């Protein structure tokens, strides 16, 4: 998918904020997938097979919506039609709280829909707190 023209910082911040809120509060994976443009790609983590399209992205996020979650934005950068951001996700499971702090890089449409997402993390980054 080609990248779109430059977007404003406000659009990028808003898109990232909506994404983190959906990760924390969505009751269905379709709510998260709705933030993605048609034909969007997701590589989570980078190096895994990319997930393509809203339906596949919704399926990918399905397990996430089964547990209570919290997110926190730790750092943000914007350039052109993209944003890079560092955030924390806490997922509450019967075995404890699983915490990870990935770095994501996303590109967006002019309307702030995600056209591509790459999540940088590895199993070594996952902690039970």
C-alpha atoms as a PDB file:
ATOM      1  CA  UNK A   1       0.000   0.000   0.000  1.00  0.00           C
ATOM      2  CA  UNK A   2       1.376   3.402  -0.880  1.00  0.00           C
ATOM      3  CA  UNK A   3       1.717   6.105   1.691  1.00  0.00           C
ATOM      4  CA  UNK A   4      -0.563   9.115   1.604  1.00  0.00           C
ATOM      5  CA  UNK A   5       0.332  12.772   1.569  1.00  0.00           C
ATOM      6  CA  UNK A   6       1.588  14.436   4.717  1.00  0.00           C
ATOM      7  CA  UNK A   7      -0.887  14.747   7.579  1.00  0.00           C
ATOM      8  CA  UNK A   8      -0.891  17.200  10.457  1.00  0.00           C
ATOM      9  CA  UNK A   9       0.479  16.334  13.860  1.00  0.00           C
ATOM     10  CA  UNK A  10      -3.046  16.770  15.279  1.00  0.00           C
ATOM     11  CA  UNK A  11      -4.410  14.080  12.938  1.00  0.00           C
ATOM     12  CA  UNK A  12      -1.549  11.729  13.850  1.00  0.00           C
ATOM     13  CA  UNK A  13      -1.962  12.312  17.611  1.00  0.00           C
ATOM     14  CA  UNK A  14      -5.715  11.814  17.320  1.00  0.00           C
ATOM     15  CA  UNK A  15      -5.286   8.566  15.364  1.00  0.00           C
ATOM     16  CA  UNK A  16      -2.781   7.164  17.871  1.00  0.00           C
ATOM     17  CA  UNK A  17      -4.994   8.210  20.794  1.00  0.00           C
ATOM     18  CA  UNK A  18      -8.037   6.489  19.219  1.00  0.00           C
ATOM     19  CA  UNK A  19      -5.940   3.367  18.639  1.00  0.00           C
ATOM     20  CA  UNK A  20      -4.685   3.202  22.240  1.00  0.00           C
ATOM     21  CA  UNK A  21      -8.199   3.831  23.580  1.00  0.00           C
ATOM     22  CA  UNK A  22      -9.546   1.027  21.382  1.00  0.00           C
ATOM     23  CA  UNK A  23      -6.792  -1.351  22.525  1.00  0.00           C
ATOM     24  CA  UNK A  24      -7.725  -0.543  26.131  1.00  0.00           C
ATOM     25  CA  UNK A  25     -11.517  -0.420  25.893  1.00  0.00           C
ATOM     26  CA  UNK A  26     -12.881  -2.083  22.745  1.00  0.00           C
ATOM     27  CA  UNK A  27     -15.468  -4.736  23.473  1.00  0.00           C
ATOM     28  CA  UNK A  28     -14.977  -6.297  20.030  1.00  0.00           C
ATOM     29  CA  UNK A  29     -12.052  -6.676  17.692  1.00  0.00           C
ATOM     30  CA  UNK A  30     -14.154  -5.061  14.936  1.00  0.00           C
ATOM     31  CA  UNK A  31     -13.939  -1.782  16.888  1.00  0.00           C
ATOM     32  CA  UNK A  32     -10.148  -1.906  16.632  1.00  0.00           C
ATOM     33  CA  UNK A  33     -10.184  -3.014  12.977  1.00  0.00           C
ATOM     34  CA  UNK A  34     -12.483  -0.068  12.115  1.00  0.00           C
ATOM     35  CA  UNK A  35      -9.503   2.236  12.761  1.00  0.00           C
ATOM     36  CA  UNK A  36      -7.718   0.663   9.773  1.00  0.00           C
ATOM     37  CA  UNK A  37      -8.212   1.611   6.108  1.00  0.00           C
ATOM     38  CA  UNK A  38      -9.397  -0.964   3.579  1.00  0.00           C
ATOM     39  CA  UNK A  39      -6.375  -2.996   2.530  1.00  0.00           C
ATOM     40  CA  UNK A  40      -4.304  -1.962   5.546  1.00  0.00           C
ATOM     41  CA  UNK A  41      -1.455  -4.143   6.783  1.00  0.00           C
ATOM     42  CA  UNK A  42      -0.392  -5.087  10.290  1.00  0.00           C
ATOM     43  CA  UNK A  43       2.951  -6.667  11.202  1.00  0.00           C
ATOM     44  CA  UNK A  44       2.869  -7.519  14.917  1.00  0.00           C
ATOM     45  CA  UNK A  45       5.617  -8.175  15.801  1.00  0.00           C
ATOM     46  CA  UNK A  46       7.844  -7.055  12.949  1.00  0.00           C
ATOM     47  CA  UNK A  47       9.237 -10.163  11.283  1.00  0.00           C
ATOM     48  CA  UNK A  48       5.968 -12.088  11.518  1.00  0.00           C
ATOM     49  CA  UNK A  49       3.709 -12.618   8.515  1.00  0.00           C
ATOM     50  CA  UNK A  50       1.794  -9.410   7.780  1.00  0.00           C
ATOM     51  CA  UNK A  51      -1.956  -9.430   8.375  1.00  0.00           C
ATOM     52  CA  UNK A  52      -3.850  -7.782   5.496  1.00  0.00           C
ATOM     53  CA  UNK A  53      -7.312  -6.213   5.440  1.00  0.00           C
ATOM     54  CA  UNK A  54      -9.855  -5.279   8.107  1.00  0.00           C
ATOM     55  CA  UNK A  55     -11.330  -8.778   8.515  1.00  0.00           C
ATOM     56  CA  UNK A  56      -7.924 -10.359   9.118  1.00  0.00           C
ATOM     57  CA  UNK A  57      -6.963  -7.499  11.447  1.00  0.00           C
ATOM     58  CA  UNK A  58     -10.190  -8.003  13.424  1.00  0.00           C
ATOM     59  CA  UNK A  59      -9.387 -11.707  13.712  1.00  0.00           C
ATOM     60  CA  UNK A  60      -5.850 -10.887  14.888  1.00  0.00           C
ATOM     61  CA  UNK A  61      -7.153  -8.661  17.710  1.00  0.00           C
ATOM     62  CA  UNK A  62      -9.924 -11.101  18.754  1.00  0.00           C
ATOM     63  CA  UNK A  63      -8.063 -12.668  21.694  1.00  0.00           C
ATOM     64  CA  UNK A  64      -7.071  -9.251  23.054  1.00  0.00           C
ATOM     65  CA  UNK A  65     -10.668  -8.203  23.678  1.00  0.00           C
ATOM     66  CA  UNK A  66     -11.244 -11.142  26.028  1.00  0.00           C
ATOM     67  CA  UNK A  67      -9.311  -9.577  28.920  1.00  0.00           C
ATOM     68  CA  UNK A  68      -9.225  -6.261  30.773  1.00  0.00           C
ATOM     69  CA  UNK A  69      -6.530  -3.943  29.378  1.00  0.00           C
ATOM     70  CA  UNK A  70      -4.909  -0.587  30.044  1.00  0.00           C
ATOM     71  CA  UNK A  71      -2.714   1.487  27.737  1.00  0.00           C
ATOM     72  CA  UNK A  72      -0.410   4.424  28.310  1.00  0.00           C
ATOM     73  CA  UNK A  73       1.382   6.528  25.697  1.00  0.00           C
ATOM     74  CA  UNK A  74       5.051   6.901  26.656  1.00  0.00           C
ATOM     75  CA  UNK A  75       6.490   8.698  23.631  1.00  0.00           C
ATOM     76  CA  UNK A  76       5.325  10.037  20.267  1.00  0.00           C
ATOM     77  CA  UNK A  77       6.916  11.317  17.048  1.00  0.00           C
ATOM     78  CA  UNK A  78       5.222  12.421  13.821  1.00  0.00           C
ATOM     79  CA  UNK A  79       6.648  12.865  10.340  1.00  0.00           C
ATOM     80  CA  UNK A  80       4.857  13.108   7.001  1.00  0.00           C
ATOM     81  CA  UNK A  81       2.000  10.605   6.949  1.00  0.00           C
ATOM     82  CA  UNK A  82       3.460   8.489   9.758  1.00  0.00           C
ATOM     83  CA  UNK A  83       3.871   8.338  13.502  1.00  0.00           C
ATOM     84  CA  UNK A  84       6.185   6.339  15.723  1.00  0.00           C
ATOM     85  CA  UNK A  85       5.129   5.835  19.300  1.00  0.00           C
ATOM     86  CA  UNK A  86       6.165   3.976  22.423  1.00  0.00           C
ATOM     87  CA  UNK A  87       3.410   2.750  24.708  1.00  0.00           C
ATOM     88  CA  UNK A  88       2.631   0.368  27.534  1.00  0.00           C
ATOM     89  CA  UNK A  89      -0.115  -2.268  27.463  1.00  0.00           C
ATOM     90  CA  UNK A  90      -1.195  -4.070  30.606  1.00  0.00           C
ATOM     91  CA  UNK A  91      -3.427  -7.107  30.128  1.00  0.00           C
ATOM     92  CA  UNK A  92      -5.062  -8.650  33.182  1.00  0.00           C
ATOM     93  CA  UNK A  93      -5.062 -12.456  33.038  1.00  0.00           C
ATOM     94  CA  UNK A  94      -5.716 -15.203  35.596  1.00  0.00           C
ATOM     95  CA  UNK A  95      -1.927 -15.736  35.765  1.00  0.00           C
ATOM     96  CA  UNK A  96      -1.167 -12.084  36.501  1.00  0.00           C
ATOM     97  CA  UNK A  97      -0.771  -8.793  34.712  1.00  0.00           C
ATOM     98  CA  UNK A  98       1.070  -9.116  31.404  1.00  0.00           C
ATOM     99  CA  UNK A  99       2.941  -5.950  30.495  1.00  0.00           C
ATOM    100  CA  UNK A 100       4.680  -4.987  27.278  1.00  0.00           C
ATOM    101  CA  UNK A 101       6.059  -1.677  25.967  1.00  0.00           C
ATOM    102  CA  UNK A 102       6.249  -1.905  22.174  1.00  0.00           C
ATOM    103  CA  UNK A 103       7.329   0.734  19.706  1.00  0.00           C
ATOM    104  CA  UNK A 104       4.833   1.036  16.838  1.00  0.00           C
ATOM    105  CA  UNK A 105       5.218   2.787  13.508  1.00  0.00           C
ATOM    106  CA  UNK A 106       2.002   3.572  11.625  1.00  0.00           C
ATOM    107  CA  UNK A 107       1.089   5.355   8.412  1.00  0.00           C
ATOM    108  CA  UNK A 108      -2.272   7.057   7.964  1.00  0.00           C
ATOM    109  CA  UNK A 109      -4.753   8.343   5.411  1.00  0.00           C
ATOM    110  CA  UNK A 110      -5.617  12.051   5.388  1.00  0.00           C
ATOM    111  CA  UNK A 111      -8.637  11.124   7.554  1.00  0.00           C
ATOM    112  CA  UNK A 112      -6.444   9.385  10.138  1.00  0.00           C
ATOM    113  CA  UNK A 113      -7.196   5.765   9.260  1.00  0.00           C
ATOM    114  CA  UNK A 114      -4.250   3.401   9.683  1.00  0.00           C
ATOM    115  CA  UNK A 115      -2.811   2.170   6.364  1.00  0.00           C
ATOM    116  CA  UNK A 116       0.081   0.203   7.851  1.00  0.00           C
ATOM    117  CA  UNK A 117       1.208  -0.730  11.332  1.00  0.00           C
ATOM    118  CA  UNK A 118       4.459  -2.303  12.464  1.00  0.00           C
ATOM    119  CA  UNK A 119       4.934  -3.276  16.100  1.00  0.00           C
ATOM    120  CA  UNK A 120       8.500  -3.620  17.357  1.00  0.00           C
ATOM    121  CA  UNK A 121       8.764  -6.046  20.266  1.00  0.00           C
ATOM    122  CA  UNK A 122       9.865  -9.616  21.002  1.00  0.00           C
ATOM    123  CA  UNK A 123       8.882 -12.275  23.544  1.00  0.00           C
ATOM    124  CA  UNK A 124      11.839 -11.092  25.664  1.00  0.00           C
ATOM    125  CA  UNK A 125       9.984  -7.793  26.160  1.00  0.00           C
ATOM    126  CA  UNK A 126       6.895  -9.380  27.770  1.00  0.00           C
ATOM    127  CA  UNK A 127       6.758  -9.241  31.578  1.00  0.00           C
ATOM    128  CA  UNK A 128       4.383 -10.613  34.190  1.00  0.00           C
ATOM    129  CA  UNK A 129       4.082  -7.984  36.912  1.00  0.00           C
END
